[in-house]
Amino acid sequence: MPHIRVISPGFLTTVQDLGRFGYAHLGISAAGAADAVSFRLGNLLVGNLENTPSLEMSLVGAEVEFEEASIVALAGAGMQPIIDGQAVPMWETIMISPGQVLKCGAAVAGVRSYLCIRGGIHVPPVLGSAATHLATGLGGFSGRALRRGDIVTVQSLPVSDSFDPLRLNQNATDRLLARDLLRVTAGPQENLFTDIALEQFYTSSYLVTKDSDRMGLRLEGPAVARKDSSFETLTEGVSLGAVQITHSGHPIILFVDHQTTGGYPKIANVIAADMHRVGQLRSGDRVTFRRATLEEARALLVEQESFIYQHSFAQA
């Protein structure tokens, strides 16, 4: 099978798919692509199924050499990619010749970009998924981030002589990739907070701190006060996107590699249609929360899915 050789892994590059579900009772969260929308669009650009394993690059992209001709796309945060010294576009299918080197730089805005290759990355599935879960060392490429010199196997698919590149429409980029607003539904412990605290939570701007990663994003801003500061909630199962409030009153957004139980009260939960935005928030970004009903959350997800399939692509 063909392969790519890792010349430089960048800051953090892992193999991901859309996640490993059904194992929270064993303490294993889903993991998977931090920005599932960009991941899916990248795979669709190269003609893959949406869940095809790809490389997730964070903050600084990887440099890789291709053994065989390949069709690839880079989706997500702009990383100024070049092939053999020539700049190539993001969000567009690209033909790579045997022996060529793709080099990605630092993310200009956002955090993560996805290198999607026609056929996908070939790694053995663990519990039904190729996703890398770094905390437990499960899945992906030996359960870890890529390193210099790694040889990564790629599924072999023929590259057509009649290469017909696609690109993402600009309106799709503008619509899907904003990240300054997160819409949330009420959390199970919303009643533990004062009305003033709730109003403050929904009207304040919060700063993403450097202590943020795939497990969770820590935010700084006006402290959110509980009605009874001495009351402790019992440890219970927690979900992706839960917004916990720590003893200091600051929010934490639980993310794709989150622990599966926790005791901090959950004031809100990021809606499914906005989880990809969380995946592109970086230290120093500011974010605000807006309340949504369950009906609105469902409607926004249906609208997003429809937009992805009906309006996203054009001929390059």
Protein backbone atom coordinates (compact mmCIF):
# COMPACT_ATOMS: atom_id res chain seq x y z
CA MET A 1 0.00 0.00 0.00
CA PRO A 2 1.24 3.56 -0.67
CA HIS A 3 2.39 5.77 2.16
CA ILE A 4 3.37 9.27 3.17
CA ARG A 5 6.55 10.06 5.10
CA VAL A 6 6.46 12.58 7.93
CA ILE A 7 9.30 15.07 7.51
CA SER A 8 7.97 17.28 10.30
CA PRO A 9 4.84 16.59 12.39
CA GLY A 10 4.13 20.25 13.18
CA PHE A 11 2.84 21.11 16.65
CA LEU A 12 0.33 18.27 17.06
CA THR A 13 -0.79 16.00 14.22
CA THR A 14 -3.00 12.97 14.82
CA VAL A 15 -5.13 10.56 12.83
CA GLN A 16 -8.83 11.24 13.41
CA ASP A 17 -12.22 10.21 12.13
CA LEU A 18 -15.62 11.33 13.46
CA GLY A 19 -15.19 9.57 16.78
CA ARG A 20 -15.58 6.43 18.86
CA PHE A 21 -19.03 6.23 20.40
CA GLY A 22 -20.63 4.04 23.03
CA TYR A 23 -17.75 3.63 25.49
CA ALA A 24 -18.28 6.46 27.98
CA HIS A 25 -19.19 3.87 30.62
CA LEU A 26 -15.60 2.62 30.28
CA GLY A 27 -14.20 6.13 30.70
CA ILE A 28 -13.46 6.56 26.99
CA SER A 29 -14.84 9.69 25.34
CA ALA A 30 -15.55 9.80 21.61
CA ALA A 31 -12.43 11.80 20.58
CA GLY A 32 -12.49 12.31 16.80
CA ALA A 33 -12.12 15.47 14.73
CA ALA A 34 -12.22 18.66 16.80
CA ASP A 35 -13.84 20.51 13.90
CA ALA A 36 -16.10 17.87 12.40
CA VAL A 37 -17.53 20.22 9.78
CA SER A 38 -14.14 21.03 8.25
CA PHE A 39 -13.18 17.34 8.50
CA ARG A 40 -16.32 16.25 6.64
CA LEU A 41 -16.01 18.95 3.97
CA GLY A 42 -12.37 18.03 3.34
CA ASN A 43 -13.30 14.40 2.80
CA LEU A 44 -16.19 15.32 0.51
CA LEU A 45 -13.85 17.50 -1.56
CA VAL A 46 -11.64 14.51 -2.39
CA GLY A 47 -14.52 12.09 -2.94
CA ASN A 48 -14.24 10.19 0.35
CA LEU A 49 -16.96 9.10 2.71
CA GLU A 50 -17.30 11.68 5.47
CA ASN A 51 -15.86 9.41 8.18
CA THR A 52 -12.66 8.55 6.27
CA PRO A 53 -9.60 8.80 8.58
CA SER A 54 -7.54 11.93 7.93
CA LEU A 55 -4.79 13.95 9.59
CA GLU A 56 -5.76 16.65 12.09
CA MET A 57 -3.05 19.33 12.39
CA SER A 58 -3.09 21.85 15.25
CA LEU A 59 -1.58 25.36 15.30
CA VAL A 60 1.40 24.44 13.08
CA GLY A 61 0.87 22.02 10.22
CA ALA A 62 2.90 19.02 9.14
CA GLU A 63 5.37 18.54 6.30
CA VAL A 64 4.89 15.23 4.45
CA GLU A 65 6.26 13.52 1.35
CA PHE A 66 3.96 11.47 -0.89
CA GLU A 67 5.13 8.17 -2.34
CA GLU A 68 2.43 7.99 -5.02
CA ALA A 69 0.18 10.36 -6.93
CA SER A 70 -2.61 11.49 -4.63
CA ILE A 71 -5.62 13.77 -4.56
CA VAL A 72 -5.78 15.81 -1.36
CA ALA A 73 -7.59 18.75 0.21
CA LEU A 74 -6.79 20.95 3.18
CA ALA A 75 -9.81 22.10 5.19
CA GLY A 76 -10.09 24.20 8.33
CA ALA A 77 -7.76 26.88 9.68
CA GLY A 78 -5.57 28.42 6.97
CA MET A 79 -2.03 27.03 7.24
CA GLN A 80 -0.39 28.58 4.15
CA PRO A 81 0.31 25.25 2.43
CA ILE A 82 3.01 24.91 -0.23
CA ILE A 83 4.04 22.04 -2.50
CA ASP A 84 7.69 22.07 -3.55
CA GLY A 85 7.84 25.80 -2.79
CA GLN A 86 4.62 26.68 -4.67
CA ALA A 87 1.65 28.02 -2.69
CA VAL A 88 -1.52 25.93 -3.00
CA PRO A 89 -5.06 26.81 -1.88
CA MET A 90 -7.00 25.71 1.14
CA TRP A 91 -10.51 24.26 0.62
CA GLU A 92 -9.74 22.92 -2.85
CA THR A 93 -8.84 19.53 -4.30
CA ILE A 94 -5.18 19.30 -5.29
CA MET A 95 -3.26 16.74 -7.35
CA ILE A 96 0.08 15.70 -5.83
CA SER A 97 2.69 13.84 -7.88
CA PRO A 98 4.92 11.03 -6.59
CA GLY A 99 7.79 12.37 -4.51
CA GLN A 100 6.28 15.80 -3.96
CA VAL A 101 6.36 17.40 -0.51
CA LEU A 102 3.41 19.22 1.06
CA LYS A 103 4.43 21.68 3.77
CA CYS A 104 1.94 23.49 6.01
CA GLY A 105 2.78 26.49 8.17
CA ALA A 106 1.25 28.13 11.22
CA ALA A 107 -2.51 28.61 11.42
CA VAL A 108 -3.39 32.16 10.47
CA ALA A 109 -6.77 32.07 12.22
CA GLY A 110 -8.34 29.24 14.13
CA VAL A 111 -6.44 26.18 15.35
CA ARG A 112 -6.96 23.04 13.27
CA SER A 113 -6.70 22.00 9.67
CA TYR A 114 -7.37 18.60 8.10
CA LEU A 115 -5.26 16.89 5.45
CA CYS A 116 -7.74 14.67 3.65
CA ILE A 117 -6.37 12.19 1.10
CA ARG A 118 -8.49 10.31 -1.41
CA GLY A 119 -8.78 6.82 0.04
CA GLY A 120 -7.89 7.98 3.55
CA ILE A 121 -5.28 7.06 6.15
CA HIS A 122 -5.03 3.32 6.82
CA VAL A 123 -4.75 2.40 10.50
CA PRO A 124 -6.30 -0.54 12.35
CA PRO A 125 -9.62 0.41 14.01
CA VAL A 126 -9.80 0.27 17.80
CA LEU A 127 -13.29 -0.16 19.26
CA GLY A 128 -14.66 0.55 15.81
CA SER A 129 -12.83 3.83 15.16
CA ALA A 130 -9.54 5.19 13.81
CA ALA A 131 -9.71 8.24 16.10
CA THR A 132 -6.67 8.96 18.27
CA HIS A 133 -7.55 9.27 21.97
CA LEU A 134 -4.35 10.74 23.37
CA ALA A 135 -5.23 10.39 27.06
CA THR A 136 -5.58 6.62 26.81
CA GLY A 137 -3.28 5.91 23.85
CA LEU A 138 -6.10 4.32 21.87
CA GLY A 139 -6.53 4.32 18.11
CA GLY A 140 -4.90 6.32 15.36
CA PHE A 141 -1.19 5.82 14.66
CA SER A 142 -0.07 3.68 17.61
CA GLY A 143 -2.29 5.78 19.88
CA ARG A 144 -0.07 8.85 19.65
CA ALA A 145 0.68 12.02 17.71
CA LEU A 146 2.84 11.68 14.61
CA ARG A 147 6.62 12.08 14.87
CA ARG A 148 9.40 12.93 12.46
CA GLY A 149 10.21 9.91 10.28
CA ASP A 150 6.87 8.12 10.72
CA ILE A 151 5.64 6.21 7.68
CA VAL A 152 1.86 6.48 7.41
CA THR A 153 -0.01 4.06 5.15
CA VAL A 154 -2.66 5.42 2.79
CA GLN A 155 -5.52 3.46 1.23
CA SER A 156 -4.76 3.01 -2.46
CA LEU A 157 -7.36 4.42 -4.84
CA PRO A 158 -6.78 5.14 -8.53
CA VAL A 159 -6.20 8.78 -9.45
CA SER A 160 -8.23 9.58 -12.55
CA ASP A 161 -6.51 11.14 -15.56
CA SER A 162 -9.53 13.45 -15.87
CA PHE A 163 -8.92 15.25 -12.59
CA ASP A 164 -11.80 17.65 -11.94
CA PRO A 165 -11.00 19.81 -8.89
CA LEU A 166 -13.64 21.21 -6.55
CA ARG A 167 -13.48 24.12 -4.16
CA LEU A 168 -15.55 25.30 -1.24
CA ASN A 169 -17.83 28.24 -1.96
CA GLN A 170 -16.82 31.43 -0.16
CA ASN A 171 -20.32 31.82 1.28
CA ALA A 172 -19.97 28.36 2.84
CA THR A 173 -16.74 29.41 4.54
CA ASP A 174 -18.30 32.58 5.90
CA ARG A 175 -21.43 30.79 7.09
CA LEU A 176 -19.91 27.70 8.68
CA LEU A 177 -16.62 28.85 10.18
CA ALA A 178 -17.47 31.83 12.41
CA ARG A 179 -16.31 31.16 15.97
CA ASP A 180 -17.06 34.20 18.14
CA LEU A 181 -20.54 33.05 19.21
CA LEU A 182 -21.60 29.76 20.77
CA ARG A 183 -25.27 28.89 21.06
CA VAL A 184 -26.17 26.77 24.06
CA THR A 185 -29.13 25.01 25.62
CA ALA A 186 -29.84 25.13 29.35
CA GLY A 187 -27.70 22.78 31.44
CA PRO A 188 -29.07 20.32 34.02
CA GLN A 189 -27.82 22.46 36.93
CA GLU A 190 -28.87 25.87 35.58
CA ASN A 191 -31.16 26.21 38.61
CA LEU A 192 -28.12 26.38 40.94
CA PHE A 193 -27.22 29.84 39.62
CA THR A 194 -28.78 33.19 40.48
CA ASP A 195 -30.78 35.12 37.90
CA ILE A 196 -28.10 37.81 37.97
CA ALA A 197 -25.40 35.19 37.34
CA LEU A 198 -27.33 33.74 34.41
CA GLU A 199 -27.80 37.18 32.86
CA GLN A 200 -24.09 37.83 33.32
CA PHE A 201 -23.18 34.50 31.70
CA TYR A 202 -25.24 35.31 28.60
CA THR A 203 -24.14 38.94 28.24
CA SER A 204 -20.41 38.65 28.98
CA SER A 205 -17.46 38.01 26.68
CA TYR A 206 -15.09 35.24 27.76
CA LEU A 207 -11.42 34.85 26.93
CA VAL A 208 -10.05 31.45 25.88
CA THR A 209 -6.98 30.75 28.03
CA LYS A 210 -3.74 28.97 27.17
CA ASP A 211 -4.83 26.08 29.44
CA SER A 212 -7.14 24.77 26.71
CA ASP A 213 -6.82 21.60 24.66
CA ARG A 214 -8.84 18.74 23.20
CA MET A 215 -10.07 17.81 26.69
CA GLY A 216 -11.60 21.18 27.43
CA LEU A 217 -11.42 24.94 26.97
CA ARG A 218 -10.91 27.09 30.05
CA LEU A 219 -12.44 30.56 29.87
CA GLU A 220 -11.77 33.75 31.81
CA GLY A 221 -14.29 36.50 32.43
CA PRO A 222 -16.79 37.69 35.01
CA ALA A 223 -17.26 34.99 37.67
CA VAL A 224 -20.62 33.20 37.57
CA ALA A 225 -22.01 32.94 41.10
CA ARG A 226 -24.00 30.01 42.50
CA LYS A 227 -27.01 30.54 44.76
CA ASP A 228 -25.28 28.50 47.48
CA SER A 229 -21.49 28.42 47.17
CA SER A 230 -21.23 25.68 49.81
CA PHE A 231 -23.46 23.25 47.90
CA GLU A 232 -21.60 20.44 46.11
CA THR A 233 -23.11 18.46 43.24
CA LEU A 234 -22.56 14.72 42.95
CA THR A 235 -20.18 13.42 40.33
CA GLU A 236 -22.16 12.25 37.30
CA GLY A 237 -21.78 11.57 33.60
CA VAL A 238 -20.92 14.57 31.45
CA SER A 239 -21.49 15.20 27.76
CA LEU A 240 -19.55 16.73 24.91
CA GLY A 241 -20.02 20.49 24.92
CA ALA A 242 -21.11 20.74 28.55
CA VAL A 243 -20.24 24.11 30.09
CA GLN A 244 -19.13 23.54 33.67
CA ILE A 245 -18.63 26.31 36.22
CA THR A 246 -15.66 25.83 38.53
CA HIS A 247 -15.45 26.92 42.18
CA SER A 248 -13.85 30.16 40.98
CA GLY A 249 -16.92 30.86 38.84
CA HIS A 250 -15.16 30.43 35.49
CA PRO A 251 -16.53 28.27 32.66
CA ILE A 252 -14.94 25.18 31.13
CA ILE A 253 -16.27 23.78 27.85
CA LEU A 254 -15.83 20.00 27.79
CA PHE A 255 -14.41 18.98 24.43
CA VAL A 256 -13.81 15.87 22.30
CA ASP A 257 -11.28 14.17 24.63
CA HIS A 258 -13.19 15.14 27.79
CA GLN A 259 -13.40 13.04 30.94
CA THR A 260 -16.67 11.13 31.05
CA THR A 261 -17.68 12.08 34.62
CA GLY A 262 -17.46 15.31 36.58
CA GLY A 263 -18.79 17.14 39.60
CA TYR A 264 -18.82 20.80 38.58
CA PRO A 265 -22.35 22.10 37.90
CA LYS A 266 -23.26 22.40 34.23
CA ILE A 267 -24.88 25.71 33.41
CA ALA A 268 -25.31 25.06 29.70
CA ASN A 269 -24.38 22.82 26.75
CA VAL A 270 -23.07 23.94 23.36
CA ILE A 271 -25.46 22.87 20.60
CA ALA A 272 -24.36 20.26 18.06
CA ALA A 273 -24.40 22.77 15.20
CA ASP A 274 -21.74 24.90 16.96
CA MET A 275 -19.33 22.24 18.25
CA HIS A 276 -17.10 22.69 15.20
CA ARG A 277 -16.66 26.33 16.24
CA VAL A 278 -15.24 25.20 19.58
CA GLY A 279 -12.63 23.21 17.65
CA GLN A 280 -11.24 26.39 16.10
CA LEU A 281 -11.09 28.53 19.25
CA ARG A 282 -7.54 29.37 20.29
CA SER A 283 -5.88 31.05 23.23
CA GLY A 284 -6.70 34.77 23.16
CA ASP A 285 -9.99 34.40 21.26
CA ARG A 286 -13.13 35.82 22.82
CA VAL A 287 -16.48 34.11 22.78
CA THR A 288 -20.01 34.87 23.92
CA PHE A 289 -22.89 32.51 24.68
CA ARG A 290 -26.45 32.78 23.42
CA ARG A 291 -29.34 30.75 24.79
CA ALA A 292 -31.20 28.46 22.38
CA THR A 293 -34.18 26.18 22.90
CA LEU A 294 -33.98 22.48 22.06
CA GLU A 295 -36.25 23.12 19.08
CA GLU A 296 -33.93 25.86 17.80
CA ALA A 297 -30.89 23.62 18.31
CA ARG A 298 -32.47 20.86 16.23
CA ALA A 299 -33.52 23.29 13.50
CA LEU A 300 -30.03 24.83 13.33
CA LEU A 301 -28.46 21.38 12.94
CA VAL A 302 -30.88 20.42 10.15
CA GLU A 303 -30.18 23.76 8.43
CA GLN A 304 -26.43 23.23 8.71
CA GLU A 305 -26.58 19.71 7.27
CA SER A 306 -28.73 20.91 4.38
CA PHE A 307 -26.35 23.77 3.63
CA ILE A 308 -23.28 21.49 3.63
CA TYR A 309 -24.77 19.19 1.00
CA GLN A 310 -26.60 21.71 -1.17
CA HIS A 311 -24.48 24.83 -1.30
CA SER A 312 -20.89 24.06 -0.38
CA PHE A 313 -19.02 23.12 -3.57
CA ALA A 314 -18.21 24.57 -6.99
CA GLN A 315 -15.81 23.73 -9.80
CA ALA A 316 -12.33 25.06 -9.05
